[in-house]
Amino acid sequence: MGSLDLDTELVGVDGCYVTAISPEWKIWGPNGGYMAALAQRAARTAESMRATIEQNDRVLLDAQVWTVADGAGLEHDFAPMPDVALPSARSACGAPD
């Protein structure tokens, strides 16, 4: 398996990028997740965009990408685990023994 970071590097500007499809990510052809990662790397701004991957004038992937700008993100709640009986202390139906 290749390096996703290195194997999805793009060269280009203003929405037109070029890359070499890595053979490390193929099953029978390029892995779908790998192709989607390439499309995501090409969509670099905060908006809705269309990303098309072509080879020899043939469309291999046509994706709509929604992305947002960097921001504070979600706040996570690191609440303590509730005080409940361990699974080994419960019957098969879930009620305490």
PDB file of N, CA and C in Angstrom:
ATOM      1  N   MET A   1       0.848  -1.171   0.000  1.00  0.00           N
ATOM      2  CA  MET A   1       0.000   0.000   0.000  1.00  0.00           C
ATOM      3  C   MET A   1       0.890   1.229   0.000  1.00  0.00           C
ATOM      4  N   GLY A   2       0.523   2.205  -0.800  1.00  0.00           N
ATOM      5  CA  GLY A   2       1.304   3.420  -0.926  1.00  0.00           C
ATOM      6  C   GLY A   2       1.042   4.401   0.207  1.00  0.00           C
ATOM      7  N   SER A   3       1.620   5.580   0.081  1.00  0.00           N
ATOM      8  CA  SER A   3       1.422   6.672   1.030  1.00  0.00           C
ATOM      9  C   SER A   3       0.343   7.592   0.475  1.00  0.00           C
ATOM     10  N   LEU A   4      -0.818   7.650   1.151  1.00  0.00           N
ATOM     11  CA  LEU A   4      -1.930   8.451   0.639  1.00  0.00           C
ATOM     12  C   LEU A   4      -1.536   9.918   0.500  1.00  0.00           C
ATOM     13  N   ASP A   5      -0.774  10.431   1.444  1.00  0.00           N
ATOM     14  CA  ASP A   5      -0.346  11.826   1.380  1.00  0.00           C
ATOM     15  C   ASP A   5       0.498  12.092   0.128  1.00  0.00           C
ATOM     16  N   LEU A   6       1.457  11.227  -0.132  1.00  0.00           N
ATOM     17  CA  LEU A   6       2.327  11.409  -1.303  1.00  0.00           C
ATOM     18  C   LEU A   6       1.618  11.058  -2.603  1.00  0.00           C
ATOM     19  N   ASP A   7       0.778  10.028  -2.558  1.00  0.00           N
ATOM     20  CA  ASP A   7       0.136   9.546  -3.779  1.00  0.00           C
ATOM     21  C   ASP A   7      -1.065  10.374  -4.211  1.00  0.00           C
ATOM     22  N   THR A   8      -1.437  11.404  -3.412  1.00  0.00           N
ATOM     23  CA  THR A   8      -2.518  12.298  -3.812  1.00  0.00           C
ATOM     24  C   THR A   8      -2.016  13.729  -4.023  1.00  0.00           C
ATOM     25  N   GLU A   9      -0.698  13.889  -4.134  1.00  0.00           N
ATOM     26  CA  GLU A   9      -0.157  15.222  -4.411  1.00  0.00           C
ATOM     27  C   GLU A   9      -0.570  15.667  -5.811  1.00  0.00           C
ATOM     28  N   LEU A  10      -0.925  16.940  -5.908  1.00  0.00           N
ATOM     29  CA  LEU A  10      -1.359  17.515  -7.175  1.00  0.00           C
ATOM     30  C   LEU A  10      -0.432  18.651  -7.575  1.00  0.00           C
ATOM     31  N   VAL A  11      -0.296  18.874  -8.875  1.00  0.00           N
ATOM     32  CA  VAL A  11       0.479  19.982  -9.412  1.00  0.00           C
ATOM     33  C   VAL A  11      -0.461  20.793 -10.285  1.00  0.00           C
ATOM     34  N   GLY A  12      -0.468  22.107 -10.091  1.00  0.00           N
ATOM     35  CA  GLY A  12      -1.317  22.960 -10.911  1.00  0.00           C
ATOM     36  C   GLY A  12      -1.794  24.171 -10.140  1.00  0.00           C
ATOM     37  N   VAL A  13      -2.630  24.974 -10.794  1.00  0.00           N
ATOM     38  CA  VAL A  13      -3.190  26.172 -10.182  1.00  0.00           C
ATOM     39  C   VAL A  13      -4.585  26.433 -10.734  1.00  0.00           C
ATOM     40  N   ASP A  14      -5.315  27.288 -10.004  1.00  0.00           N
ATOM     41  CA  ASP A  14      -6.616  27.789 -10.463  1.00  0.00           C
ATOM     42  C   ASP A  14      -7.595  26.692 -10.889  1.00  0.00           C
ATOM     43  N   GLY A  15      -7.645  25.619 -10.139  1.00  0.00           N
ATOM     44  CA  GLY A  15      -8.626  24.573 -10.400  1.00  0.00           C
ATOM     45  C   GLY A  15      -8.248  23.562 -11.461  1.00  0.00           C
ATOM     46  N   CYS A  16      -7.060  23.644 -12.016  1.00  0.00           N
ATOM     47  CA  CYS A  16      -6.614  22.673 -13.013  1.00  0.00           C
ATOM     48  C   CYS A  16      -5.355  21.998 -12.484  1.00  0.00           C
ATOM     49  N   TYR A  17      -5.481  20.757 -12.091  1.00  0.00           N
ATOM     50  CA  TYR A  17      -4.389  20.028 -11.459  1.00  0.00           C
ATOM     51  C   TYR A  17      -4.084  18.748 -12.217  1.00  0.00           C
ATOM     52  N   VAL A  18      -2.839  18.302 -12.096  1.00  0.00           N
ATOM     53  CA  VAL A  18      -2.371  17.093 -12.755  1.00  0.00           C
ATOM     54  C   VAL A  18      -1.687  16.217 -11.719  1.00  0.00           C
ATOM     55  N   THR A  19      -1.847  14.919 -11.859  1.00  0.00           N
ATOM     56  CA  THR A  19      -1.144  13.966 -11.002  1.00  0.00           C
ATOM     57  C   THR A  19      -0.953  12.667 -11.768  1.00  0.00           C
ATOM     58  N   ALA A  20      -0.121  11.809 -11.257  1.00  0.00           N
ATOM     59  CA  ALA A  20       0.036  10.460 -11.814  1.00  0.00           C
ATOM     60  C   ALA A  20      -0.714   9.510 -10.887  1.00  0.00           C
ATOM     61  N   ILE A  21      -1.587   8.697 -11.449  1.00  0.00           N
ATOM     62  CA  ILE A  21      -2.340   7.719 -10.657  1.00  0.00           C
ATOM     63  C   ILE A  21      -1.366   6.646 -10.183  1.00  0.00           C
ATOM     64  N   SER A  22      -1.284   6.474  -8.878  1.00  0.00           N
ATOM     65  CA  SER A  22      -0.344   5.506  -8.307  1.00  0.00           C
ATOM     66  C   SER A  22      -0.869   4.075  -8.465  1.00  0.00           C
ATOM     67  N   PRO A  23      -0.041   3.149  -8.939  1.00  0.00           N
ATOM     68  CA  PRO A  23      -0.469   1.746  -9.047  1.00  0.00           C
ATOM     69  C   PRO A  23      -0.619   1.075  -7.677  1.00  0.00           C
ATOM     70  N   GLU A  24      -0.141   1.725  -6.606  1.00  0.00           N
ATOM     71  CA  GLU A  24      -0.235   1.164  -5.261  1.00  0.00           C
ATOM     72  C   GLU A  24      -1.670   1.099  -4.751  1.00  0.00           C
ATOM     73  N   TRP A  25      -2.606   1.814  -5.390  1.00  0.00           N
ATOM     74  CA  TRP A  25      -3.975   1.911  -4.904  1.00  0.00           C
ATOM     75  C   TRP A  25      -4.963   1.233  -5.850  1.00  0.00           C
ATOM     76  N   LYS A  26      -4.505   0.248  -6.582  1.00  0.00           N
ATOM     77  CA  LYS A  26      -5.425  -0.386  -7.520  1.00  0.00           C
ATOM     78  C   LYS A  26      -5.898  -1.739  -7.002  1.00  0.00           C
ATOM     79  N   ILE A  27      -7.100  -2.061  -7.376  1.00  0.00           N
ATOM     80  CA  ILE A  27      -7.649  -3.393  -7.145  1.00  0.00           C
ATOM     81  C   ILE A  27      -7.683  -4.023  -8.538  1.00  0.00           C
ATOM     82  N   TRP A  28      -8.727  -3.709  -9.326  1.00  0.00           N
ATOM     83  CA  TRP A  28      -8.719  -4.068 -10.751  1.00  0.00           C
ATOM     84  C   TRP A  28      -8.390  -2.821 -11.557  1.00  0.00           C
ATOM     85  N   GLY A  29      -8.703  -1.706 -10.961  1.00  0.00           N
ATOM     86  CA  GLY A  29      -8.397  -0.372 -11.465  1.00  0.00           C
ATOM     87  C   GLY A  29      -8.138   0.469 -10.230  1.00  0.00           C
ATOM     88  N   PRO A  30      -8.069   1.776 -10.364  1.00  0.00           N
ATOM     89  CA  PRO A  30      -7.823   2.605  -9.177  1.00  0.00           C
ATOM     90  C   PRO A  30      -8.927   2.439  -8.134  1.00  0.00           C
ATOM     91  N   ASN A  31      -8.558   2.317  -6.873  1.00  0.00           N
ATOM     92  CA  ASN A  31      -9.483   2.186  -5.763  1.00  0.00           C
ATOM     93  C   ASN A  31     -10.365   3.438  -5.698  1.00  0.00           C
ATOM     94  N   GLY A  32     -11.669   3.250  -5.476  1.00  0.00           N
ATOM     95  CA  GLY A  32     -12.612   4.369  -5.443  1.00  0.00           C
ATOM     96  C   GLY A  32     -12.297   5.388  -4.367  1.00  0.00           C
ATOM     97  N   GLY A  33     -11.875   4.930  -3.191  1.00  0.00           N
ATOM     98  CA  GLY A  33     -11.524   5.852  -2.115  1.00  0.00           C
ATOM     99  C   GLY A  33     -10.308   6.688  -2.466  1.00  0.00           C
ATOM    100  N   TYR A  34      -9.373   6.083  -3.158  1.00  0.00           N
ATOM    101  CA  TYR A  34      -8.176   6.800  -3.611  1.00  0.00           C
ATOM    102  C   TYR A  34      -8.561   7.877  -4.614  1.00  0.00           C
ATOM    103  N   MET A  35      -9.443   7.531  -5.548  1.00  0.00           N
ATOM    104  CA  MET A  35      -9.887   8.506  -6.536  1.00  0.00           C
ATOM    105  C   MET A  35     -10.646   9.648  -5.857  1.00  0.00           C
ATOM    106  N   ALA A  36     -11.457   9.320  -4.850  1.00  0.00           N
ATOM    107  CA  ALA A  36     -12.184  10.353  -4.119  1.00  0.00           C
ATOM    108  C   ALA A  36     -11.210  11.263  -3.361  1.00  0.00           C
ATOM    109  N   ALA A  37     -10.137  10.698  -2.817  1.00  0.00           N
ATOM    110  CA  ALA A  37      -9.132  11.500  -2.119  1.00  0.00           C
ATOM    111  C   ALA A  37      -8.465  12.481  -3.087  1.00  0.00           C
ATOM    112  N   LEU A  38      -8.223  12.059  -4.306  1.00  0.00           N
ATOM    113  CA  LEU A  38      -7.665  12.967  -5.312  1.00  0.00           C
ATOM    114  C   LEU A  38      -8.628  14.121  -5.580  1.00  0.00           C
ATOM    115  N   ALA A  39      -9.919  13.804  -5.703  1.00  0.00           N
ATOM    116  CA  ALA A  39     -10.922  14.840  -5.946  1.00  0.00           C
ATOM    117  C   ALA A  39     -10.981  15.809  -4.768  1.00  0.00           C
ATOM    118  N   GLN A  40     -10.889  15.291  -3.542  1.00  0.00           N
ATOM    119  CA  GLN A  40     -10.906  16.147  -2.358  1.00  0.00           C
ATOM    120  C   GLN A  40      -9.704  17.084  -2.330  1.00  0.00           C
ATOM    121  N   ARG A  41      -8.539  16.569  -2.695  1.00  0.00           N
ATOM    122  CA  ARG A  41      -7.330  17.415  -2.696  1.00  0.00           C
ATOM    123  C   ARG A  41      -7.464  18.535  -3.734  1.00  0.00           C
ATOM    124  N   ALA A  42      -8.147  18.263  -4.834  1.00  0.00           N
ATOM    125  CA  ALA A  42      -8.308  19.273  -5.884  1.00  0.00           C
ATOM    126  C   ALA A  42      -9.301  20.359  -5.465  1.00  0.00           C
ATOM    127  N   ALA A  43     -10.225  20.031  -4.583  1.00  0.00           N
ATOM    128  CA  ALA A  43     -11.240  20.986  -4.115  1.00  0.00           C
ATOM    129  C   ALA A  43     -10.728  21.646  -2.839  1.00  0.00           C
ATOM    130  N   ARG A  44     -10.036  22.759  -2.964  1.00  0.00           N
ATOM    131  CA  ARG A  44      -9.287  23.320  -1.829  1.00  0.00           C
ATOM    132  C   ARG A  44      -9.923  24.532  -1.166  1.00  0.00           C
ATOM    133  N   THR A  45     -11.052  25.013  -1.611  1.00  0.00           N
ATOM    134  CA  THR A  45     -11.624  26.213  -1.019  1.00  0.00           C
ATOM    135  C   THR A  45     -12.948  25.904  -0.323  1.00  0.00           C
ATOM    136  N   ALA A  46     -13.548  26.897   0.309  1.00  0.00           N
ATOM    137  CA  ALA A  46     -14.779  26.715   1.067  1.00  0.00           C
ATOM    138  C   ALA A  46     -15.991  26.972   0.182  1.00  0.00           C
ATOM    139  N   GLU A  47     -16.436  25.961  -0.489  1.00  0.00           N
ATOM    140  CA  GLU A  47     -17.582  26.089  -1.384  1.00  0.00           C
ATOM    141  C   GLU A  47     -17.976  24.722  -1.931  1.00  0.00           C
ATOM    142  N   SER A  48     -18.969  24.723  -2.776  1.00  0.00           N
ATOM    143  CA  SER A  48     -19.366  23.507  -3.473  1.00  0.00           C
ATOM    144  C   SER A  48     -18.668  23.514  -4.829  1.00  0.00           C
ATOM    145  N   MET A  49     -18.003  22.413  -5.144  1.00  0.00           N
ATOM    146  CA  MET A  49     -17.253  22.351  -6.400  1.00  0.00           C
ATOM    147  C   MET A  49     -17.488  21.017  -7.096  1.00  0.00           C
ATOM    148  N   ARG A  50     -17.193  21.012  -8.340  1.00  0.00           N
ATOM    149  CA  ARG A  50     -17.220  19.786  -9.120  1.00  0.00           C
ATOM    150  C   ARG A  50     -15.784  19.401  -9.419  1.00  0.00           C
ATOM    151  N   ALA A  51     -15.447  18.140  -9.206  1.00  0.00           N
ATOM    152  CA  ALA A  51     -14.106  17.638  -9.502  1.00  0.00           C
ATOM    153  C   ALA A  51     -14.235  16.482 -10.479  1.00  0.00           C
ATOM    154  N   THR A  52     -13.562  16.599 -11.595  1.00  0.00           N
ATOM    155  CA  THR A  52     -13.608  15.558 -12.624  1.00  0.00           C
ATOM    156  C   THR A  52     -12.198  15.038 -12.848  1.00  0.00           C
ATOM    157  N   ILE A  53     -12.063  13.712 -12.835  1.00  0.00           N
ATOM    158  CA  ILE A  53     -10.777  13.086 -13.127  1.00  0.00           C
ATOM    159  C   ILE A  53     -10.898  12.417 -14.487  1.00  0.00           C
ATOM    160  N   GLU A  54     -10.016  12.815 -15.405  1.00  0.00           N
ATOM    161  CA  GLU A  54     -10.034  12.282 -16.770  1.00  0.00           C
ATOM    162  C   GLU A  54      -8.698  11.648 -17.115  1.00  0.00           C
ATOM    163  N   GLN A  55      -8.750  10.670 -17.982  1.00  0.00           N
ATOM    164  CA  GLN A  55      -7.546  10.044 -18.519  1.00  0.00           C
ATOM    165  C   GLN A  55      -7.808   9.715 -19.974  1.00  0.00           C
ATOM    166  N   ASN A  56      -6.948  10.226 -20.845  1.00  0.00           N
ATOM    167  CA  ASN A  56      -7.098  10.000 -22.294  1.00  0.00           C
ATOM    168  C   ASN A  56      -8.497  10.377 -22.780  1.00  0.00           C
ATOM    169  N   ASP A  57      -8.974  11.557 -22.365  1.00  0.00           N
ATOM    170  CA  ASP A  57     -10.287  12.085 -22.750  1.00  0.00           C
ATOM    171  C   ASP A  57     -11.456  11.217 -22.276  1.00  0.00           C
ATOM    172  N   ARG A  58     -11.242  10.370 -21.290  1.00  0.00           N
ATOM    173  CA  ARG A  58     -12.296   9.520 -20.731  1.00  0.00           C
ATOM    174  C   ARG A  58     -12.494   9.906 -19.256  1.00  0.00           C
ATOM    175  N   VAL A  59     -13.721  10.181 -18.858  1.00  0.00           N
ATOM    176  CA  VAL A  59     -14.013  10.550 -17.472  1.00  0.00           C
ATOM    177  C   VAL A  59     -13.948   9.294 -16.598  1.00  0.00           C
ATOM    178  N   LEU A  60     -13.073   9.346 -15.576  1.00  0.00           N
ATOM    179  CA  LEU A  60     -12.947   8.239 -14.633  1.00  0.00           C
ATOM    180  C   LEU A  60     -13.753   8.489 -13.369  1.00  0.00           C
ATOM    181  N   LEU A  61     -13.871   9.758 -12.964  1.00  0.00           N
ATOM    182  CA  LEU A  61     -14.607  10.110 -11.755  1.00  0.00           C
ATOM    183  C   LEU A  61     -15.158  11.511 -11.914  1.00  0.00           C
ATOM    184  N   ASP A  62     -16.427  11.672 -11.578  1.00  0.00           N
ATOM    185  CA  ASP A  62     -17.060  12.975 -11.574  1.00  0.00           C
ATOM    186  C   ASP A  62     -17.700  13.134 -10.202  1.00  0.00           C
ATOM    187  N   ALA A  63     -17.205  14.075  -9.387  1.00  0.00           N
ATOM    188  CA  ALA A  63     -17.665  14.190  -8.008  1.00  0.00           C
ATOM    189  C   ALA A  63     -18.094  15.616  -7.693  1.00  0.00           C
ATOM    190  N   GLN A  64     -19.084  15.726  -6.805  1.00  0.00           N
ATOM    191  CA  GLN A  64     -19.449  17.014  -6.254  1.00  0.00           C
ATOM    192  C   GLN A  64     -18.878  17.046  -4.843  1.00  0.00           C
ATOM    193  N   VAL A  65     -18.093  18.066  -4.540  1.00  0.00           N
ATOM    194  CA  VAL A  65     -17.397  18.156  -3.259  1.00  0.00           C
ATOM    195  C   VAL A  65     -17.892  19.383  -2.513  1.00  0.00           C
ATOM    196  N   TRP A  66     -18.310  19.183  -1.265  1.00  0.00           N
ATOM    197  CA  TRP A  66     -18.669  20.287  -0.374  1.00  0.00           C
ATOM    198  C   TRP A  66     -17.583  20.382   0.670  1.00  0.00           C
ATOM    199  N   THR A  67     -17.019  21.559   0.828  1.00  0.00           N
ATOM    200  CA  THR A  67     -15.939  21.745   1.781  1.00  0.00           C
ATOM    201  C   THR A  67     -16.134  23.076   2.501  1.00  0.00           C
ATOM    202  N   VAL A  68     -15.574  23.188   3.695  1.00  0.00           N
ATOM    203  CA  VAL A  68     -15.692  24.425   4.467  1.00  0.00           C
ATOM    204  C   VAL A  68     -14.310  24.912   4.870  1.00  0.00           C
ATOM    205  N   ALA A  69     -14.235  26.179   5.191  1.00  0.00           N
ATOM    206  CA  ALA A  69     -12.963  26.763   5.618  1.00  0.00           C
ATOM    207  C   ALA A  69     -12.576  26.234   6.990  1.00  0.00           C
ATOM    208  N   ASP A  70     -11.285  26.303   7.279  1.00  0.00           N
ATOM    209  CA  ASP A  70     -10.824  25.927   8.609  1.00  0.00           C
ATOM    210  C   ASP A  70     -11.486  26.825   9.638  1.00  0.00           C
ATOM    211  N   GLY A  71     -11.847  26.230  10.764  1.00  0.00           N
ATOM    212  CA  GLY A  71     -12.475  27.010  11.823  1.00  0.00           C
ATOM    213  C   GLY A  71     -12.295  26.304  13.144  1.00  0.00           C
ATOM    214  N   ALA A  72     -12.991  26.793  14.135  1.00  0.00           N
ATOM    215  CA  ALA A  72     -12.877  26.222  15.475  1.00  0.00           C
ATOM    216  C   ALA A  72     -13.368  24.774  15.508  1.00  0.00           C
ATOM    217  N   GLY A  73     -14.333  24.441  14.671  1.00  0.00           N
ATOM    218  CA  GLY A  73     -14.825  23.063  14.621  1.00  0.00           C
ATOM    219  C   GLY A  73     -15.781  22.735  15.752  1.00  0.00           C
ATOM    220  N   LEU A  74     -16.070  21.460  15.877  1.00  0.00           N
ATOM    221  CA  LEU A  74     -16.995  20.993  16.899  1.00  0.00           C
ATOM    222  C   LEU A  74     -16.335  21.006  18.268  1.00  0.00           C
ATOM    223  N   GLU A  75     -17.143  21.210  19.284  1.00  0.00           N
ATOM    224  CA  GLU A  75     -16.660  21.073  20.651  1.00  0.00           C
ATOM    225  C   GLU A  75     -16.973  19.658  21.105  1.00  0.00           C
ATOM    226  N   HIS A  76     -16.029  19.019  21.743  1.00  0.00           N
ATOM    227  CA  HIS A  76     -16.215  17.648  22.194  1.00  0.00           C
ATOM    228  C   HIS A  76     -16.507  17.627  23.678  1.00  0.00           C
ATOM    229  N   ASP A  77     -17.413  16.739  24.065  1.00  0.00           N
ATOM    230  CA  ASP A  77     -17.782  16.573  25.472  1.00  0.00           C
ATOM    231  C   ASP A  77     -17.053  15.343  25.998  1.00  0.00           C
ATOM    232  N   PHE A  78     -16.106  15.552  26.881  1.00  0.00           N
ATOM    233  CA  PHE A  78     -15.345  14.451  27.458  1.00  0.00           C
ATOM    234  C   PHE A  78     -15.950  14.065  28.801  1.00  0.00           C
ATOM    235  N   ALA A  79     -17.235  13.723  28.785  1.00  0.00           N
ATOM    236  CA  ALA A  79     -17.949  13.354  30.016  1.00  0.00           C
ATOM    237  C   ALA A  79     -17.415  12.020  30.536  1.00  0.00           C
ATOM    238  N   PRO A  80     -17.466  11.825  31.855  1.00  0.00           N
ATOM    239  CA  PRO A  80     -17.017  10.545  32.407  1.00  0.00           C
ATOM    240  C   PRO A  80     -17.994   9.430  32.040  1.00  0.00           C
ATOM    241  N   MET A  81     -17.490   8.206  32.006  1.00  0.00           N
ATOM    242  CA  MET A  81     -18.320   7.051  31.709  1.00  0.00           C
ATOM    243  C   MET A  81     -19.392   6.903  32.798  1.00  0.00           C
ATOM    244  N   PRO A  82     -20.644   6.599  32.449  1.00  0.00           N
ATOM    245  CA  PRO A  82     -21.682   6.427  33.468  1.00  0.00           C
ATOM    246  C   PRO A  82     -21.418   5.196  34.326  1.00  0.00           C
ATOM    247  N   ASP A  83     -21.926   5.231  35.534  1.00  0.00           N
ATOM    248  CA  ASP A  83     -21.757   4.125  36.469  1.00  0.00           C
ATOM    249  C   ASP A  83     -22.814   3.070  36.178  1.00  0.00           C
ATOM    250  N   VAL A  84     -22.458   2.083  35.392  1.00  0.00           N
ATOM    251  CA  VAL A  84     -23.374   0.990  35.024  1.00  0.00           C
ATOM    252  C   VAL A  84     -22.679  -0.337  35.257  1.00  0.00           C
ATOM    253  N   ALA A  85     -23.491  -1.406  35.345  1.00  0.00           N
ATOM    254  CA  ALA A  85     -22.931  -2.742  35.556  1.00  0.00           C
ATOM    255  C   ALA A  85     -22.129  -3.176  34.338  1.00  0.00           C
ATOM    256  N   LEU A  86     -21.062  -3.922  34.569  1.00  0.00           N
ATOM    257  CA  LEU A  86     -20.260  -4.467  33.480  1.00  0.00           C
ATOM    258  C   LEU A  86     -21.075  -5.481  32.695  1.00  0.00           C
ATOM    259  N   PRO A  87     -20.780  -5.689  31.421  1.00  0.00           N
ATOM    260  CA  PRO A  87     -21.534  -6.658  30.625  1.00  0.00           C
ATOM    261  C   PRO A  87     -21.572  -8.051  31.255  1.00  0.00           C
ATOM    262  N   SER A  88     -20.508  -8.456  31.903  1.00  0.00           N
ATOM    263  CA  SER A  88     -20.474  -9.790  32.525  1.00  0.00           C
ATOM    264  C   SER A  88     -21.445  -9.915  33.690  1.00  0.00           C
ATOM    265  N   ALA A  89     -21.923  -8.792  34.226  1.00  0.00           N
ATOM    266  CA  ALA A  89     -22.855  -8.818  35.358  1.00  0.00           C
ATOM    267  C   ALA A  89     -24.310  -8.730  34.888  1.00  0.00           C
ATOM    268  N   ARG A  90     -24.550  -8.821  33.593  1.00  0.00           N
ATOM    269  CA  ARG A  90     -25.916  -8.708  33.075  1.00  0.00           C
ATOM    270  C   ARG A  90     -26.342 -10.028  32.445  1.00  0.00           C
ATOM    271  N   SER A  91     -27.640 -10.257  32.437  1.00  0.00           N
ATOM    272  CA  SER A  91     -28.173 -11.486  31.826  1.00  0.00           C
ATOM    273  C   SER A  91     -28.183 -11.322  30.309  1.00  0.00           C
ATOM    274  N   ALA A  92     -28.553 -12.363  29.622  1.00  0.00           N
ATOM    275  CA  ALA A  92     -28.590 -12.331  28.160  1.00  0.00           C
ATOM    276  C   ALA A  92     -29.598 -11.317  27.633  1.00  0.00           C
ATOM    277  N   CYS A  93     -30.640 -10.995  28.381  1.00  0.00           N
ATOM    278  CA  CYS A  93     -31.661 -10.033  27.940  1.00  0.00           C
ATOM    279  C   CYS A  93     -31.285  -8.592  28.322  1.00  0.00           C
ATOM    280  N   GLY A  94     -30.197  -8.402  29.018  1.00  0.00           N
ATOM    281  CA  GLY A  94     -29.757  -7.072  29.361  1.00  0.00           C
ATOM    282  C   GLY A  94     -30.135  -6.601  30.744  1.00  0.00           C
ATOM    283  N   ALA A  95     -30.989  -7.330  31.449  1.00  0.00           N
ATOM    284  CA  ALA A  95     -31.385  -6.934  32.801  1.00  0.00           C
ATOM    285  C   ALA A  95     -30.328  -7.405  33.799  1.00  0.00           C
ATOM    286  N   PRO A  96     -30.143  -6.634  34.896  1.00  0.00           N
ATOM    287  CA  PRO A  96     -29.179  -7.080  35.911  1.00  0.00           C
ATOM    288  C   PRO A  96     -29.577  -8.423  36.497  1.00  0.00           C
ATOM    289  N   ASP A  97     -28.577  -9.255  36.813  1.00  0.00           N
ATOM    290  CA  ASP A  97     -28.862 -10.566  37.422  1.00  0.00           C
ATOM    291  C   ASP A  97     -29.322 -10.393  38.845  1.00  0.00           C
TER     292      ASP A  97
END
